[in-house]
All heavy atoms as atom14 arrays in JSON, in Angstrom:
{
  "sequence": "SKIKTTKKISITLIIVALLTIIINPFSQKVLEITAKESNIPNILSAGV",
  "atom14_mask": [
    [1, 1, 1, 1, 1, 1, 0, 0, 0, 0, 0, 0, 0, 0],
    [1, 1, 1, 1, 1, 1, 1, 1, 1, 0, 0, 0, 0, 0],
    [1, 1, 1, 1, 1, 1, 1, 1, 0, 0, 0, 0, 0, 0],
    [1, 1, 1, 1, 1, 1, 1, 1, 1, 0, 0, 0, 0, 0],
    [1, 1, 1, 1, 1, 1, 1, 0, 0, 0, 0, 0, 0, 0],
    [1, 1, 1, 1, 1, 1, 1, 0, 0, 0, 0, 0, 0, 0],
    [1, 1, 1, 1, 1, 1, 1, 1, 1, 0, 0, 0, 0, 0],
    [1, 1, 1, 1, 1, 1, 1, 1, 1, 0, 0, 0, 0, 0],
    [1, 1, 1, 1, 1, 1, 1, 1, 0, 0, 0, 0, 0, 0],
    [1, 1, 1, 1, 1, 1, 0, 0, 0, 0, 0, 0, 0, 0],
    [1, 1, 1, 1, 1, 1, 1, 1, 0, 0, 0, 0, 0, 0],
    [1, 1, 1, 1, 1, 1, 1, 0, 0, 0, 0, 0, 0, 0],
    [1, 1, 1, 1, 1, 1, 1, 1, 0, 0, 0, 0, 0, 0],
    [1, 1, 1, 1, 1, 1, 1, 1, 0, 0, 0, 0, 0, 0],
    [1, 1, 1, 1, 1, 1, 1, 1, 0, 0, 0, 0, 0, 0],
    [1, 1, 1, 1, 1, 1, 1, 0, 0, 0, 0, 0, 0, 0],
    [1, 1, 1, 1, 1, 0, 0, 0, 0, 0, 0, 0, 0, 0],
    [1, 1, 1, 1, 1, 1, 1, 1, 0, 0, 0, 0, 0, 0],
    [1, 1, 1, 1, 1, 1, 1, 1, 0, 0, 0, 0, 0, 0],
    [1, 1, 1, 1, 1, 1, 1, 0, 0, 0, 0, 0, 0, 0],
    [1, 1, 1, 1, 1, 1, 1, 1, 0, 0, 0, 0, 0, 0],
    [1, 1, 1, 1, 1, 1, 1, 1, 0, 0, 0, 0, 0, 0],
    [1, 1, 1, 1, 1, 1, 1, 1, 0, 0, 0, 0, 0, 0],
    [1, 1, 1, 1, 1, 1, 1, 1, 0, 0, 0, 0, 0, 0],
    [1, 1, 1, 1, 1, 1, 1, 0, 0, 0, 0, 0, 0, 0],
    [1, 1, 1, 1, 1, 1, 1, 1, 1, 1, 1, 0, 0, 0],
    [1, 1, 1, 1, 1, 1, 0, 0, 0, 0, 0, 0, 0, 0],
    [1, 1, 1, 1, 1, 1, 1, 1, 1, 0, 0, 0, 0, 0],
    [1, 1, 1, 1, 1, 1, 1, 1, 1, 0, 0, 0, 0, 0],
    [1, 1, 1, 1, 1, 1, 1, 0, 0, 0, 0, 0, 0, 0],
    [1, 1, 1, 1, 1, 1, 1, 1, 0, 0, 0, 0, 0, 0],
    [1, 1, 1, 1, 1, 1, 1, 1, 1, 0, 0, 0, 0, 0],
    [1, 1, 1, 1, 1, 1, 1, 1, 0, 0, 0, 0, 0, 0],
    [1, 1, 1, 1, 1, 1, 1, 0, 0, 0, 0, 0, 0, 0],
    [1, 1, 1, 1, 1, 0, 0, 0, 0, 0, 0, 0, 0, 0],
    [1, 1, 1, 1, 1, 1, 1, 1, 1, 0, 0, 0, 0, 0],
    [1, 1, 1, 1, 1, 1, 1, 1, 1, 0, 0, 0, 0, 0],
    [1, 1, 1, 1, 1, 1, 0, 0, 0, 0, 0, 0, 0, 0],
    [1, 1, 1, 1, 1, 1, 1, 1, 0, 0, 0, 0, 0, 0],
    [1, 1, 1, 1, 1, 1, 1, 1, 0, 0, 0, 0, 0, 0],
    [1, 1, 1, 1, 1, 1, 1, 0, 0, 0, 0, 0, 0, 0],
    [1, 1, 1, 1, 1, 1, 1, 1, 0, 0, 0, 0, 0, 0],
    [1, 1, 1, 1, 1, 1, 1, 1, 0, 0, 0, 0, 0, 0],
    [1, 1, 1, 1, 1, 1, 1, 1, 0, 0, 0, 0, 0, 0],
    [1, 1, 1, 1, 1, 1, 0, 0, 0, 0, 0, 0, 0, 0],
    [1, 1, 1, 1, 1, 0, 0, 0, 0, 0, 0, 0, 0, 0],
    [1, 1, 1, 1, 0, 0, 0, 0, 0, 0, 0, 0, 0, 0],
    [1, 1, 1, 1, 1, 1, 1, 0, 0, 0, 0, 0, 0, 0]
  ],
  "atom14_positions": [
    [[28.28, -91.39, -95.87], [28.66, -92.46, -94.94], [27.82, -93.7, -95.17], [26.62, -93.62, -95.45], [28.51, -91.97, -93.49], [28.78, -93.02, -92.59], [0.0, 0.0, 0.0], [0.0, 0.0, 0.0], [0.0, 0.0, 0.0], [0.0, 0.0, 0.0], [0.0, 0.0, 0.0], [0.0, 0.0, 0.0], [0.0, 0.0, 0.0], [0.0, 0.0, 0.0]],
    [[28.45, -94.87, -95.03], [27.75, -96.14, -95.21], [27.56, -96.89, -93.89], [27.28, -98.08, -93.89], [28.51, -97.02, -96.19], [28.58, -96.44, -97.6], [29.29, -97.36, -98.56], [29.32, -96.77, -99.97], [30.01, -97.65, -100.94], [0.0, 0.0, 0.0], [0.0, 0.0, 0.0], [0.0, 0.0, 0.0], [0.0, 0.0, 0.0], [0.0, 0.0, 0.0]],
    [[27.71, -96.19, -92.77], [27.53, -96.82, -91.48], [26.04, -97.03, -91.21], [25.18, -96.5, -91.92], [28.15, -95.97, -90.35], [27.47, -94.6, -90.27], [29.64, -95.83, -90.54], [27.97, -93.76, -89.11], [0.0, 0.0, 0.0], [0.0, 0.0, 0.0], [0.0, 0.0, 0.0], [0.0, 0.0, 0.0], [0.0, 0.0, 0.0], [0.0, 0.0, 0.0]],
    [[25.71, -97.81, -90.19], [24.33, -98.12, -89.86], [23.53, -96.85, -89.58], [24.06, -95.86, -89.1], [24.26, -99.04, -88.65], [24.73, -100.46, -88.89], [24.67, -101.29, -87.63], [23.28, -101.4, -87.08], [23.2, -102.29, -85.9], [0.0, 0.0, 0.0], [0.0, 0.0, 0.0], [0.0, 0.0, 0.0], [0.0, 0.0, 0.0], [0.0, 0.0, 0.0]],
    [[22.23, -96.93, -89.88], [21.34, -95.78, -89.67], [21.33, -95.36, -88.21], [21.31, -94.18, -87.9], [19.91, -96.13, -90.13], [19.94, -96.47, -91.52], [18.98, -94.95, -89.92], [0.0, 0.0, 0.0], [0.0, 0.0, 0.0], [0.0, 0.0, 0.0], [0.0, 0.0, 0.0], [0.0, 0.0, 0.0], [0.0, 0.0, 0.0], [0.0, 0.0, 0.0]],
    [[21.33, -96.35, -87.29], [21.31, -96.01, -85.86], [22.55, -95.22, -85.46], [22.47, -94.31, -84.63], [21.22, -97.28, -85.01], [22.23, -98.22, -85.43], [19.85, -97.93, -85.14], [0.0, 0.0, 0.0], [0.0, 0.0, 0.0], [0.0, 0.0, 0.0], [0.0, 0.0, 0.0], [0.0, 0.0, 0.0], [0.0, 0.0, 0.0], [0.0, 0.0, 0.0]],
    [[23.69, -95.54, -86.07], [24.92, -94.81, -85.76], [24.86, -93.39, -86.35], [25.38, -92.44, -85.76], [26.14, -95.57, -86.28], [26.52, -96.77, -85.42], [27.8, -97.42, -85.89], [28.34, -98.43, -84.88], [27.41, -99.48, -84.52], [0.0, 0.0, 0.0], [0.0, 0.0, 0.0], [0.0, 0.0, 0.0], [0.0, 0.0, 0.0], [0.0, 0.0, 0.0]],
    [[24.26, -93.26, -87.53], [24.09, -91.93, -88.11], [23.22, -91.06, -87.21], [23.52, -89.88, -86.98], [23.47, -92.03, -89.51], [24.39, -92.61, -90.58], [23.67, -92.65, -91.92], [24.55, -93.25, -93.0], [23.88, -93.31, -94.31], [0.0, 0.0, 0.0], [0.0, 0.0, 0.0], [0.0, 0.0, 0.0], [0.0, 0.0, 0.0], [0.0, 0.0, 0.0]],
    [[22.13, -91.65, -86.72], [21.25, -90.91, -85.8], [22.01, -90.54, -84.54], [21.87, -89.42, -84.01], [20.01, -91.74, -85.46], [19.18, -92.0, -86.72], [19.16, -91.05, -84.41], [18.01, -92.94, -86.5], [0.0, 0.0, 0.0], [0.0, 0.0, 0.0], [0.0, 0.0, 0.0], [0.0, 0.0, 0.0], [0.0, 0.0, 0.0], [0.0, 0.0, 0.0]],
    [[22.83, -91.46, -84.06], [23.63, -91.22, -82.86], [24.57, -90.04, -83.04], [24.64, -89.14, -82.2], [24.43, -92.48, -82.51], [25.3, -92.22, -81.42], [0.0, 0.0, 0.0], [0.0, 0.0, 0.0], [0.0, 0.0, 0.0], [0.0, 0.0, 0.0], [0.0, 0.0, 0.0], [0.0, 0.0, 0.0], [0.0, 0.0, 0.0], [0.0, 0.0, 0.0]],
    [[25.28, -90.02, -84.17], [26.21, -88.93, -84.44], [25.46, -87.61, -84.61], [25.92, -86.55, -84.16], [27.06, -89.25, -85.69], [27.93, -90.48, -85.43], [27.93, -88.05, -86.09], [28.67, -90.99, -86.64], [0.0, 0.0, 0.0], [0.0, 0.0, 0.0], [0.0, 0.0, 0.0], [0.0, 0.0, 0.0], [0.0, 0.0, 0.0], [0.0, 0.0, 0.0]],
    [[24.3, -87.67, -85.26], [23.47, -86.46, -85.41], [23.07, -85.9, -84.06], [23.11, -84.68, -83.84], [22.2, -86.79, -86.23], [22.58, -87.23, -87.54], [21.31, -85.56, -86.37], [0.0, 0.0, 0.0], [0.0, 0.0, 0.0], [0.0, 0.0, 0.0], [0.0, 0.0, 0.0], [0.0, 0.0, 0.0], [0.0, 0.0, 0.0], [0.0, 0.0, 0.0]],
    [[22.69, -86.78, -83.14], [22.33, -86.34, -81.79], [23.52, -85.69, -81.08], [23.35, -84.69, -80.36], [21.8, -87.52, -80.97], [20.39, -88.01, -81.32], [20.09, -89.33, -80.61], [19.36, -86.95, -80.94], [0.0, 0.0, 0.0], [0.0, 0.0, 0.0], [0.0, 0.0, 0.0], [0.0, 0.0, 0.0], [0.0, 0.0, 0.0], [0.0, 0.0, 0.0]],
    [[24.71, -86.26, -81.28], [25.91, -85.67, -80.68], [26.15, -84.27, -81.23], [26.47, -83.32, -80.49], [27.15, -86.56, -80.96], [27.01, -87.91, -80.24], [28.42, -85.85, -80.53], [27.08, -87.82, -78.74], [0.0, 0.0, 0.0], [0.0, 0.0, 0.0], [0.0, 0.0, 0.0], [0.0, 0.0, 0.0], [0.0, 0.0, 0.0], [0.0, 0.0, 0.0]],
    [[25.99, -84.13, -82.55], [26.18, -82.82, -83.2], [25.18, -81.8, -82.65], [25.55, -80.67, -82.3], [26.03, -82.95, -84.73], [27.2, -83.77, -85.3], [25.97, -81.57, -85.39], [27.04, -84.11, -86.76], [0.0, 0.0, 0.0], [0.0, 0.0, 0.0], [0.0, 0.0, 0.0], [0.0, 0.0, 0.0], [0.0, 0.0, 0.0], [0.0, 0.0, 0.0]],
    [[23.91, -82.2, -82.56], [22.88, -81.3, -82.04], [23.15, -80.96, -80.58], [22.97, -79.81, -80.15], [21.49, -81.93, -82.19], [20.42, -81.06, -81.52], [21.14, -82.12, -83.65], [0.0, 0.0, 0.0], [0.0, 0.0, 0.0], [0.0, 0.0, 0.0], [0.0, 0.0, 0.0], [0.0, 0.0, 0.0], [0.0, 0.0, 0.0], [0.0, 0.0, 0.0]],
    [[23.61, -81.95, -79.8], [23.92, -81.71, -78.39], [25.05, -80.69, -78.24], [24.97, -79.76, -77.42], [24.3, -83.03, -77.72], [0.0, 0.0, 0.0], [0.0, 0.0, 0.0], [0.0, 0.0, 0.0], [0.0, 0.0, 0.0], [0.0, 0.0, 0.0], [0.0, 0.0, 0.0], [0.0, 0.0, 0.0], [0.0, 0.0, 0.0], [0.0, 0.0, 0.0]],
    [[26.11, -80.85, -79.04], [27.23, -79.9, -78.98], [26.77, -78.5, -79.37], [27.14, -77.51, -78.72], [28.35, -80.36, -79.91], [29.11, -81.63, -79.48], [30.11, -82.04, -80.56], [29.83, -81.39, -78.17], [0.0, 0.0, 0.0], [0.0, 0.0, 0.0], [0.0, 0.0, 0.0], [0.0, 0.0, 0.0], [0.0, 0.0, 0.0], [0.0, 0.0, 0.0]],
    [[25.96, -78.43, -80.43], [25.44, -77.13, -80.87], [24.57, -76.5, -79.78], [24.63, -75.29, -79.55], [24.65, -77.31, -82.16], [24.12, -76.03, -82.82], [25.29, -75.1, -83.18], [23.32, -76.37, -84.07], [0.0, 0.0, 0.0], [0.0, 0.0, 0.0], [0.0, 0.0, 0.0], [0.0, 0.0, 0.0], [0.0, 0.0, 0.0], [0.0, 0.0, 0.0]],
    [[23.77, -77.32, -79.1], [22.9, -76.82, -78.04], [23.72, -76.22, -76.89], [23.33, -75.2, -76.3], [22.02, -77.97, -77.49], [21.24, -78.51, -78.55], [21.08, -77.48, -76.4], [0.0, 0.0, 0.0], [0.0, 0.0, 0.0], [0.0, 0.0, 0.0], [0.0, 0.0, 0.0], [0.0, 0.0, 0.0], [0.0, 0.0, 0.0], [0.0, 0.0, 0.0]],
    [[24.84, -76.85, -76.6], [25.68, -76.37, -75.49], [26.39, -75.07, -75.83], [26.47, -74.14, -75.01], [26.71, -77.45, -75.09], [26.0, -78.67, -74.49], [27.73, -76.91, -74.1], [26.91, -79.86, -74.25], [0.0, 0.0, 0.0], [0.0, 0.0, 0.0], [0.0, 0.0, 0.0], [0.0, 0.0, 0.0], [0.0, 0.0, 0.0], [0.0, 0.0, 0.0]],
    [[26.92, -74.97, -77.04], [27.81, -73.85, -77.35], [27.16, -72.69, -78.08], [27.76, -71.61, -78.18], [29.02, -74.34, -78.18], [28.55, -74.89, -79.54], [29.81, -75.38, -77.43], [29.7, -75.39, -80.42], [0.0, 0.0, 0.0], [0.0, 0.0, 0.0], [0.0, 0.0, 0.0], [0.0, 0.0, 0.0], [0.0, 0.0, 0.0], [0.0, 0.0, 0.0]],
    [[25.92, -72.86, -78.57], [25.33, -71.8, -79.38], [25.09, -70.51, -78.58], [25.34, -69.41, -79.08], [24.02, -72.28, -80.06], [23.5, -71.23, -81.03], [22.97, -72.63, -79.03], [24.43, -70.89, -82.15], [0.0, 0.0, 0.0], [0.0, 0.0, 0.0], [0.0, 0.0, 0.0], [0.0, 0.0, 0.0], [0.0, 0.0, 0.0], [0.0, 0.0, 0.0]],
    [[24.6, -70.65, -77.35], [24.34, -69.44, -76.55], [25.62, -68.67, -76.22], [25.7, -67.46, -76.46], [23.58, -69.8, -75.26], [22.09, -69.87, -75.49], [21.6, -69.61, -76.59], [21.35, -70.27, -74.47], [0.0, 0.0, 0.0], [0.0, 0.0, 0.0], [0.0, 0.0, 0.0], [0.0, 0.0, 0.0], [0.0, 0.0, 0.0], [0.0, 0.0, 0.0]],
    [[26.66, -69.35, -75.64], [27.91, -68.63, -75.37], [28.54, -68.03, -76.63], [29.06, -66.92, -76.6], [28.81, -69.71, -74.76], [27.88, -70.72, -74.2], [26.7, -70.73, -75.13], [0.0, 0.0, 0.0], [0.0, 0.0, 0.0], [0.0, 0.0, 0.0], [0.0, 0.0, 0.0], [0.0, 0.0, 0.0], [0.0, 0.0, 0.0], [0.0, 0.0, 0.0]],
    [[28.46, -68.78, -77.74], [29.03, -68.29, -79.0], [28.3, -67.04, -79.48], [28.93, -66.05, -79.87], [28.97, -69.39, -80.06], [29.51, -68.97, -81.4], [30.87, -68.96, -81.63], [28.65, -68.58, -82.42], [31.38, -68.56, -82.87], [29.15, -68.19, -83.65], [30.51, -68.18, -83.88], [0.0, 0.0, 0.0], [0.0, 0.0, 0.0], [0.0, 0.0, 0.0]],
    [[26.96, -67.09, -79.46], [26.17, -65.95, -79.91], [26.42, -64.72, -79.03], [26.53, -63.6, -79.53], [24.67, -66.3, -79.89], [24.41, -67.39, -80.75], [0.0, 0.0, 0.0], [0.0, 0.0, 0.0], [0.0, 0.0, 0.0], [0.0, 0.0, 0.0], [0.0, 0.0, 0.0], [0.0, 0.0, 0.0], [0.0, 0.0, 0.0], [0.0, 0.0, 0.0]],
    [[26.5, -64.93, -77.7], [26.77, -63.81, -76.79], [28.14, -63.21, -77.04], [28.31, -61.98, -76.97], [26.66, -64.3, -75.34], [25.23, -64.65, -74.92], [25.17, -65.37, -73.59], [26.19, -65.73, -73.02], [23.96, -65.58, -73.09], [0.0, 0.0, 0.0], [0.0, 0.0, 0.0], [0.0, 0.0, 0.0], [0.0, 0.0, 0.0], [0.0, 0.0, 0.0]],
    [[29.09, -64.06, -77.38], [30.44, -63.58, -77.67], [30.45, -62.75, -78.95], [31.04, -61.65, -78.99], [31.39, -64.78, -77.82], [32.85, -64.41, -78.05], [33.46, -63.82, -76.82], [34.96, -63.59, -77.02], [35.59, -62.96, -75.83], [0.0, 0.0, 0.0], [0.0, 0.0, 0.0], [0.0, 0.0, 0.0], [0.0, 0.0, 0.0], [0.0, 0.0, 0.0]],
    [[29.79, -63.25, -80.0], [29.77, -62.55, -81.28], [29.01, -61.23, -81.16], [29.43, -60.2, -81.7], [29.13, -63.44, -82.37], [28.93, -62.66, -83.66], [30.0, -64.66, -82.64], [0.0, 0.0, 0.0], [0.0, 0.0, 0.0], [0.0, 0.0, 0.0], [0.0, 0.0, 0.0], [0.0, 0.0, 0.0], [0.0, 0.0, 0.0], [0.0, 0.0, 0.0]],
    [[27.87, -61.26, -80.46], [27.05, -60.06, -80.32], [27.53, -59.14, -79.2], [26.93, -58.09, -78.97], [25.59, -60.48, -80.05], [24.9, -61.27, -81.17], [23.54, -61.76, -80.71], [24.77, -60.42, -82.43], [0.0, 0.0, 0.0], [0.0, 0.0, 0.0], [0.0, 0.0, 0.0], [0.0, 0.0, 0.0], [0.0, 0.0, 0.0], [0.0, 0.0, 0.0]],
    [[28.59, -59.58, -78.51], [29.2, -58.78, -77.43], [28.19, -58.46, -76.33], [28.06, -57.33, -75.86], [29.8, -57.49, -77.99], [30.91, -57.75, -79.0], [31.45, -56.47, -79.61], [30.8, -55.41, -79.44], [32.5, -56.52, -80.27], [0.0, 0.0, 0.0], [0.0, 0.0, 0.0], [0.0, 0.0, 0.0], [0.0, 0.0, 0.0], [0.0, 0.0, 0.0]],
    [[27.45, -59.5, -75.94], [26.48, -59.37, -74.86], [27.17, -59.7, -73.54], [27.74, -60.79, -73.38], [25.27, -60.31, -75.08], [24.56, -59.94, -76.38], [24.3, -60.25, -73.9], [23.43, -60.89, -76.75], [0.0, 0.0, 0.0], [0.0, 0.0, 0.0], [0.0, 0.0, 0.0], [0.0, 0.0, 0.0], [0.0, 0.0, 0.0], [0.0, 0.0, 0.0]],
    [[27.12, -58.8, -72.61], [27.82, -58.99, -71.33], [26.96, -59.75, -70.32], [27.46, -60.56, -69.55], [28.23, -57.64, -70.73], [27.07, -56.8, -70.63], [29.26, -56.95, -71.62], [0.0, 0.0, 0.0], [0.0, 0.0, 0.0], [0.0, 0.0, 0.0], [0.0, 0.0, 0.0], [0.0, 0.0, 0.0], [0.0, 0.0, 0.0], [0.0, 0.0, 0.0]],
    [[25.65, -59.49, -70.31], [24.76, -60.15, -69.36], [24.47, -61.56, -69.86], [23.61, -61.77, -70.72], [23.47, -59.36, -69.2], [0.0, 0.0, 0.0], [0.0, 0.0, 0.0], [0.0, 0.0, 0.0], [0.0, 0.0, 0.0], [0.0, 0.0, 0.0], [0.0, 0.0, 0.0], [0.0, 0.0, 0.0], [0.0, 0.0, 0.0], [0.0, 0.0, 0.0]],
    [[25.19, -62.52, -69.34], [25.07, -63.89, -69.82], [23.92, -64.62, -69.12], [23.77, -64.55, -67.91], [26.38, -64.65, -69.6], [27.55, -64.1, -70.39], [28.78, -64.94, -70.19], [29.95, -64.41, -71.02], [31.16, -65.23, -70.84], [0.0, 0.0, 0.0], [0.0, 0.0, 0.0], [0.0, 0.0, 0.0], [0.0, 0.0, 0.0], [0.0, 0.0, 0.0]],
    [[23.12, -65.33, -69.93], [22.05, -66.14, -69.37], [22.58, -67.52, -69.0], [23.59, -67.97, -69.53], [20.91, -66.28, -70.4], [20.25, -64.96, -70.77], [19.12, -65.16, -71.77], [18.88, -66.32, -72.14], [18.51, -64.15, -72.16], [0.0, 0.0, 0.0], [0.0, 0.0, 0.0], [0.0, 0.0, 0.0], [0.0, 0.0, 0.0], [0.0, 0.0, 0.0]],
    [[21.88, -68.16, -68.09], [22.3, -69.49, -67.66], [22.2, -70.48, -68.82], [21.2, -70.51, -69.55], [21.42, -69.96, -66.5], [21.72, -71.31, -66.17], [0.0, 0.0, 0.0], [0.0, 0.0, 0.0], [0.0, 0.0, 0.0], [0.0, 0.0, 0.0], [0.0, 0.0, 0.0], [0.0, 0.0, 0.0], [0.0, 0.0, 0.0], [0.0, 0.0, 0.0]],
    [[23.23, -71.29, -68.95], [23.26, -72.28, -70.03], [22.91, -73.67, -69.51], [22.99, -74.65, -70.25], [24.65, -72.29, -70.68], [24.62, -72.84, -72.1], [23.64, -72.67, -72.82], [25.67, -73.54, -72.5], [0.0, 0.0, 0.0], [0.0, 0.0, 0.0], [0.0, 0.0, 0.0], [0.0, 0.0, 0.0], [0.0, 0.0, 0.0], [0.0, 0.0, 0.0]],
    [[22.51, -73.74, -68.23], [22.24, -75.04, -67.61], [21.11, -75.81, -68.31], [21.26, -77.02, -68.56], [21.92, -74.85, -66.1], [23.18, -74.36, -65.38], [21.44, -76.16, -65.49], [22.98, -74.1, -63.91], [0.0, 0.0, 0.0], [0.0, 0.0, 0.0], [0.0, 0.0, 0.0], [0.0, 0.0, 0.0], [0.0, 0.0, 0.0], [0.0, 0.0, 0.0]],
    [[19.97, -75.17, -68.67], [18.92, -75.92, -69.37], [19.41, -76.55, -70.67], [19.06, -77.7, -70.99], [17.84, -74.86, -69.63], [18.05, -73.84, -68.57], [19.53, -73.78, -68.37], [0.0, 0.0, 0.0], [0.0, 0.0, 0.0], [0.0, 0.0, 0.0], [0.0, 0.0, 0.0], [0.0, 0.0, 0.0], [0.0, 0.0, 0.0], [0.0, 0.0, 0.0]],
    [[20.23, -75.8, -71.41], [20.77, -76.34, -72.66], [21.69, -77.52, -72.39], [21.69, -78.52, -73.13], [21.52, -75.26, -73.42], [20.6, -74.24, -74.04], [19.39, -74.36, -73.96], [21.16, -73.21, -74.65], [0.0, 0.0, 0.0], [0.0, 0.0, 0.0], [0.0, 0.0, 0.0], [0.0, 0.0, 0.0], [0.0, 0.0, 0.0], [0.0, 0.0, 0.0]],
    [[22.49, -77.41, -71.32], [23.42, -78.48, -70.98], [22.66, -79.74, -70.58], [23.03, -80.86, -70.97], [24.37, -78.03, -69.84], [25.29, -76.91, -70.35], [25.2, -79.2, -69.33], [26.15, -76.3, -69.27], [0.0, 0.0, 0.0], [0.0, 0.0, 0.0], [0.0, 0.0, 0.0], [0.0, 0.0, 0.0], [0.0, 0.0, 0.0], [0.0, 0.0, 0.0]],
    [[21.58, -79.58, -69.82], [20.77, -80.72, -69.4], [20.12, -81.4, -70.62], [20.1, -82.63, -70.73], [19.69, -80.28, -68.41], [20.2, -79.82, -67.04], [19.04, -79.29, -66.19], [20.9, -80.96, -66.31], [0.0, 0.0, 0.0], [0.0, 0.0, 0.0], [0.0, 0.0, 0.0], [0.0, 0.0, 0.0], [0.0, 0.0, 0.0], [0.0, 0.0, 0.0]],
    [[19.59, -80.58, -71.54], [18.99, -81.13, -72.76], [20.03, -81.88, -73.59], [19.77, -82.98, -74.11], [18.38, -80.0, -73.6], [17.35, -79.34, -72.9], [0.0, 0.0, 0.0], [0.0, 0.0, 0.0], [0.0, 0.0, 0.0], [0.0, 0.0, 0.0], [0.0, 0.0, 0.0], [0.0, 0.0, 0.0], [0.0, 0.0, 0.0], [0.0, 0.0, 0.0]],
    [[21.22, -81.29, -73.68], [22.3, -81.93, -74.43], [22.71, -83.25, -73.78], [23.01, -84.23, -74.46], [23.5, -81.0, -74.52], [0.0, 0.0, 0.0], [0.0, 0.0, 0.0], [0.0, 0.0, 0.0], [0.0, 0.0, 0.0], [0.0, 0.0, 0.0], [0.0, 0.0, 0.0], [0.0, 0.0, 0.0], [0.0, 0.0, 0.0], [0.0, 0.0, 0.0]],
    [[22.69, -83.27, -72.45], [23.05, -84.5, -71.73], [22.1, -85.64, -72.06], [22.53, -86.79, -72.27], [0.0, 0.0, 0.0], [0.0, 0.0, 0.0], [0.0, 0.0, 0.0], [0.0, 0.0, 0.0], [0.0, 0.0, 0.0], [0.0, 0.0, 0.0], [0.0, 0.0, 0.0], [0.0, 0.0, 0.0], [0.0, 0.0, 0.0], [0.0, 0.0, 0.0]],
    [[20.81, -85.34, -72.13], [19.82, -86.37, -72.49], [20.09, -86.88, -73.9], [20.04, -88.09, -74.17], [18.39, -85.8, -72.39], [17.38, -86.8, -72.93], [18.06, -85.43, -70.95], [0.0, 0.0, 0.0], [0.0, 0.0, 0.0], [0.0, 0.0, 0.0], [0.0, 0.0, 0.0], [0.0, 0.0, 0.0], [0.0, 0.0, 0.0], [0.0, 0.0, 0.0]]
  ]
}
């Protein structure tokens, strides 16, 4: 990509935020874990 560095950093943060939100539910689904932990801390971090 030839876009500005600040925009690249911005998109990277969005990618990390999405990964932060969905990694726990995804891992629990794959590992077939029934006792789900709260994902609120991850969501708050992703929001920032």
